[in-house]
Amino acid sequence: MPDFSTEIDIEPWEYISACSNREVDELINTLIEDGHLDKFNGKVVSKGDASLMSEEWDEALAKIRNSKHLLSIDDENVIINIANKLV
């Protein structure tokens, strides 16, 4: 019997756009479990669910997390000291 394979070429944004909120949450959780994303505050919050202050806070933390290479040693120490106070 012949063996056929099918290949579908879609862009990641096309797949994400077709997903429901539940499916996007499931995808994010899978990416976290597989080590492709860091877990952030134990929960992913969609933009519509977060307050303005919460969104600003999350954006500030994301800037710090994604720009570590731009921080001075003093800046890093300040952030580490703040984190150590909370543990």
N, C-alpha and C. Protein backbone atom coordinates (compact mmCIF):
# COMPACT_ATOMS: atom_id res chain seq x y z
N MET A 1 0.84 -1.16 0.00
CA MET A 1 0.00 0.00 0.00
C MET A 1 0.90 1.24 0.00
N PRO A 2 0.54 2.27 -0.78
CA PRO A 2 1.37 3.47 -0.82
C PRO A 2 1.31 4.23 0.50
N ASP A 3 2.40 4.94 0.78
CA ASP A 3 2.49 5.74 2.01
C ASP A 3 2.54 7.21 1.62
N PHE A 4 1.60 8.00 2.10
CA PHE A 4 1.54 9.42 1.80
C PHE A 4 1.78 10.23 3.07
N SER A 5 2.41 11.35 2.90
CA SER A 5 2.55 12.28 4.03
C SER A 5 2.08 13.65 3.59
N THR A 6 1.57 14.38 4.53
CA THR A 6 1.06 15.71 4.24
C THR A 6 1.85 16.72 5.04
N GLU A 7 2.21 17.81 4.41
CA GLU A 7 2.93 18.87 5.10
C GLU A 7 2.13 20.16 4.95
N ILE A 8 1.89 20.81 6.07
CA ILE A 8 1.17 22.07 6.07
C ILE A 8 2.14 23.15 6.54
N ASP A 9 2.26 24.20 5.75
CA ASP A 9 3.18 25.28 6.08
C ASP A 9 2.38 26.49 6.55
N ILE A 10 2.35 26.69 7.89
CA ILE A 10 1.67 27.87 8.43
C ILE A 10 2.64 28.64 9.31
N GLU A 11 2.40 29.90 9.43
CA GLU A 11 3.21 30.77 10.28
C GLU A 11 2.69 30.64 11.72
N PRO A 12 3.60 30.81 12.69
CA PRO A 12 3.15 30.72 14.09
C PRO A 12 1.99 31.66 14.42
N TRP A 13 2.00 32.87 13.90
CA TRP A 13 0.92 33.81 14.20
C TRP A 13 -0.41 33.32 13.65
N GLU A 14 -0.38 32.59 12.52
CA GLU A 14 -1.61 32.05 11.96
C GLU A 14 -2.21 31.01 12.91
N TYR A 15 -1.35 30.17 13.46
CA TYR A 15 -1.82 29.15 14.40
C TYR A 15 -2.39 29.81 15.66
N ILE A 16 -1.64 30.75 16.22
CA ILE A 16 -2.07 31.42 17.46
C ILE A 16 -3.39 32.15 17.24
N SER A 17 -3.53 32.82 16.11
CA SER A 17 -4.76 33.57 15.82
C SER A 17 -5.98 32.67 15.76
N ALA A 18 -5.78 31.41 15.40
CA ALA A 18 -6.90 30.48 15.29
C ALA A 18 -7.23 29.81 16.61
N CYS A 19 -6.41 30.02 17.64
CA CYS A 19 -6.62 29.37 18.94
C CYS A 19 -7.56 30.18 19.82
N SER A 20 -8.31 29.46 20.67
CA SER A 20 -9.13 30.12 21.69
C SER A 20 -8.21 30.55 22.83
N ASN A 21 -8.74 31.34 23.76
CA ASN A 21 -7.94 31.76 24.92
C ASN A 21 -7.47 30.55 25.72
N ARG A 22 -8.33 29.55 25.87
CA ARG A 22 -7.97 28.33 26.60
C ARG A 22 -6.82 27.62 25.90
N GLU A 23 -6.88 27.55 24.58
CA GLU A 23 -5.82 26.88 23.82
C GLU A 23 -4.50 27.65 23.89
N VAL A 24 -4.58 28.98 23.89
CA VAL A 24 -3.36 29.79 24.02
C VAL A 24 -2.75 29.57 25.40
N ASP A 25 -3.59 29.55 26.45
CA ASP A 25 -3.09 29.28 27.81
C ASP A 25 -2.43 27.90 27.87
N GLU A 26 -3.04 26.91 27.23
CA GLU A 26 -2.48 25.56 27.20
C GLU A 26 -1.14 25.55 26.47
N LEU A 27 -1.05 26.29 25.37
CA LEU A 27 0.21 26.38 24.62
C LEU A 27 1.29 27.03 25.47
N ILE A 28 0.95 28.11 26.17
CA ILE A 28 1.92 28.79 27.03
C ILE A 28 2.39 27.86 28.13
N ASN A 29 1.46 27.14 28.76
CA ASN A 29 1.84 26.20 29.81
C ASN A 29 2.75 25.11 29.27
N THR A 30 2.48 24.63 28.07
CA THR A 30 3.34 23.62 27.45
C THR A 30 4.73 24.19 27.19
N LEU A 31 4.80 25.44 26.70
CA LEU A 31 6.10 26.07 26.46
C LEU A 31 6.88 26.25 27.76
N ILE A 32 6.18 26.56 28.84
CA ILE A 32 6.84 26.68 30.15
C ILE A 32 7.35 25.32 30.60
N GLU A 33 6.49 24.30 30.50
CA GLU A 33 6.88 22.95 30.93
C GLU A 33 8.06 22.42 30.13
N ASP A 34 8.11 22.75 28.84
CA ASP A 34 9.20 22.27 27.97
C ASP A 34 10.45 23.13 28.07
N GLY A 35 10.41 24.19 28.89
CA GLY A 35 11.58 25.02 29.11
C GLY A 35 11.82 26.10 28.08
N HIS A 36 10.83 26.37 27.23
CA HIS A 36 10.98 27.42 26.22
C HIS A 36 10.63 28.80 26.75
N LEU A 37 9.85 28.86 27.83
CA LEU A 37 9.47 30.11 28.48
C LEU A 37 9.69 29.99 29.97
N ASP A 38 10.01 31.11 30.61
CA ASP A 38 10.10 31.14 32.07
C ASP A 38 8.72 31.35 32.65
N LYS A 39 8.46 30.70 33.77
CA LYS A 39 7.20 30.91 34.47
C LYS A 39 7.28 32.27 35.13
N PHE A 40 6.22 33.05 35.04
CA PHE A 40 6.21 34.40 35.58
C PHE A 40 5.07 34.53 36.57
N ASN A 41 5.41 34.68 37.86
CA ASN A 41 4.42 34.82 38.94
C ASN A 41 3.46 33.64 39.00
N GLY A 42 3.85 32.51 38.43
CA GLY A 42 3.03 31.32 38.51
C GLY A 42 1.77 31.35 37.67
N LYS A 43 1.49 32.44 36.99
CA LYS A 43 0.25 32.54 36.24
C LYS A 43 0.44 33.47 35.06
N VAL A 44 -0.15 33.14 33.95
CA VAL A 44 -0.14 34.02 32.80
C VAL A 44 -1.45 34.80 32.82
N VAL A 45 -1.37 36.12 32.74
CA VAL A 45 -2.55 36.96 32.78
C VAL A 45 -2.72 37.60 31.42
N SER A 46 -3.90 37.45 30.84
CA SER A 46 -4.14 38.08 29.54
C SER A 46 -4.32 39.57 29.73
N LYS A 47 -4.00 40.34 28.70
CA LYS A 47 -4.04 41.80 28.79
C LYS A 47 -5.39 42.32 29.26
N GLY A 48 -6.48 41.72 28.82
CA GLY A 48 -7.81 42.20 29.19
C GLY A 48 -8.13 42.00 30.66
N ASP A 49 -7.45 41.06 31.31
CA ASP A 49 -7.74 40.74 32.71
C ASP A 49 -6.92 41.58 33.70
N ALA A 50 -5.87 42.21 33.22
CA ALA A 50 -4.97 42.93 34.12
C ALA A 50 -5.37 44.39 34.23
N SER A 51 -5.17 44.95 35.42
CA SER A 51 -5.43 46.38 35.61
C SER A 51 -4.29 47.16 34.97
N LEU A 52 -4.48 48.46 34.80
CA LEU A 52 -3.46 49.31 34.19
C LEU A 52 -2.17 49.26 35.01
N MET A 53 -2.28 49.34 36.33
CA MET A 53 -1.09 49.28 37.19
C MET A 53 -0.40 47.94 37.05
N SER A 54 -1.17 46.88 36.97
CA SER A 54 -0.61 45.55 36.83
C SER A 54 0.11 45.42 35.48
N GLU A 55 -0.49 45.96 34.43
CA GLU A 55 0.14 45.92 33.11
C GLU A 55 1.45 46.70 33.11
N GLU A 56 1.45 47.88 33.74
CA GLU A 56 2.68 48.68 33.82
C GLU A 56 3.75 47.93 34.60
N TRP A 57 3.35 47.28 35.69
CA TRP A 57 4.27 46.51 36.51
C TRP A 57 4.86 45.37 35.68
N ASP A 58 4.01 44.62 34.99
CA ASP A 58 4.46 43.50 34.17
C ASP A 58 5.39 43.97 33.06
N GLU A 59 5.09 45.11 32.44
CA GLU A 59 5.95 45.64 31.39
C GLU A 59 7.31 46.05 31.95
N ALA A 60 7.31 46.66 33.14
CA ALA A 60 8.58 47.06 33.76
C ALA A 60 9.43 45.84 34.08
N LEU A 61 8.81 44.81 34.64
CA LEU A 61 9.55 43.59 34.95
C LEU A 61 10.07 42.90 33.69
N ALA A 62 9.26 42.92 32.64
CA ALA A 62 9.70 42.32 31.37
C ALA A 62 10.90 43.08 30.80
N LYS A 63 10.89 44.40 30.92
CA LYS A 63 12.03 45.20 30.44
C LYS A 63 13.30 44.83 31.20
N ILE A 64 13.17 44.69 32.52
CA ILE A 64 14.33 44.30 33.33
C ILE A 64 14.81 42.91 32.94
N ARG A 65 13.87 41.97 32.84
CA ARG A 65 14.21 40.59 32.52
C ARG A 65 14.88 40.48 31.14
N ASN A 66 14.39 41.23 30.18
CA ASN A 66 14.90 41.12 28.81
C ASN A 66 16.10 42.02 28.53
N SER A 67 16.47 42.87 29.47
CA SER A 67 17.58 43.81 29.23
C SER A 67 18.67 43.69 30.29
N LYS A 68 18.80 42.53 30.88
CA LYS A 68 19.80 42.34 31.93
C LYS A 68 21.19 42.74 31.45
N HIS A 69 21.49 42.47 30.21
CA HIS A 69 22.81 42.78 29.67
C HIS A 69 23.10 44.28 29.62
N LEU A 70 22.07 45.11 29.77
CA LEU A 70 22.25 46.56 29.75
C LEU A 70 22.40 47.17 31.14
N LEU A 71 22.17 46.36 32.18
CA LEU A 71 22.22 46.86 33.54
C LEU A 71 23.65 46.90 34.06
N SER A 72 23.92 47.88 34.90
CA SER A 72 25.22 47.94 35.56
C SER A 72 25.23 46.93 36.71
N ILE A 73 26.40 46.65 37.23
CA ILE A 73 26.52 45.75 38.39
C ILE A 73 25.73 46.32 39.56
N ASP A 74 25.81 47.65 39.76
CA ASP A 74 25.06 48.28 40.85
C ASP A 74 23.55 48.08 40.68
N ASP A 75 23.05 48.26 39.44
CA ASP A 75 21.63 48.05 39.18
C ASP A 75 21.23 46.61 39.49
N GLU A 76 22.05 45.67 39.05
CA GLU A 76 21.76 44.25 39.32
C GLU A 76 21.72 43.98 40.82
N ASN A 77 22.67 44.56 41.55
CA ASN A 77 22.71 44.35 43.01
C ASN A 77 21.49 44.92 43.69
N VAL A 78 21.01 46.08 43.24
CA VAL A 78 19.80 46.68 43.82
C VAL A 78 18.61 45.74 43.61
N ILE A 79 18.48 45.21 42.40
CA ILE A 79 17.37 44.31 42.09
C ILE A 79 17.49 43.03 42.91
N ILE A 80 18.67 42.48 43.02
CA ILE A 80 18.89 41.26 43.81
C ILE A 80 18.57 41.51 45.27
N ASN A 81 18.98 42.67 45.81
CA ASN A 81 18.68 43.00 47.20
C ASN A 81 17.18 43.11 47.44
N ILE A 82 16.47 43.71 46.51
CA ILE A 82 15.00 43.81 46.64
C ILE A 82 14.39 42.42 46.64
N ALA A 83 14.85 41.57 45.70
CA ALA A 83 14.33 40.21 45.61
C ALA A 83 14.61 39.43 46.88
N ASN A 84 15.79 39.59 47.44
CA ASN A 84 16.16 38.86 48.65
C ASN A 84 15.30 39.27 49.85
N LYS A 85 14.82 40.51 49.86
CA LYS A 85 13.93 40.96 50.94
C LYS A 85 12.59 40.24 50.90
N LEU A 86 12.20 39.80 49.72
CA LEU A 86 10.88 39.22 49.54
C LEU A 86 10.83 37.71 49.76
N VAL A 87 11.98 37.09 49.88
CA VAL A 87 12.00 35.63 50.02
C VAL A 87 11.98 35.23 51.46
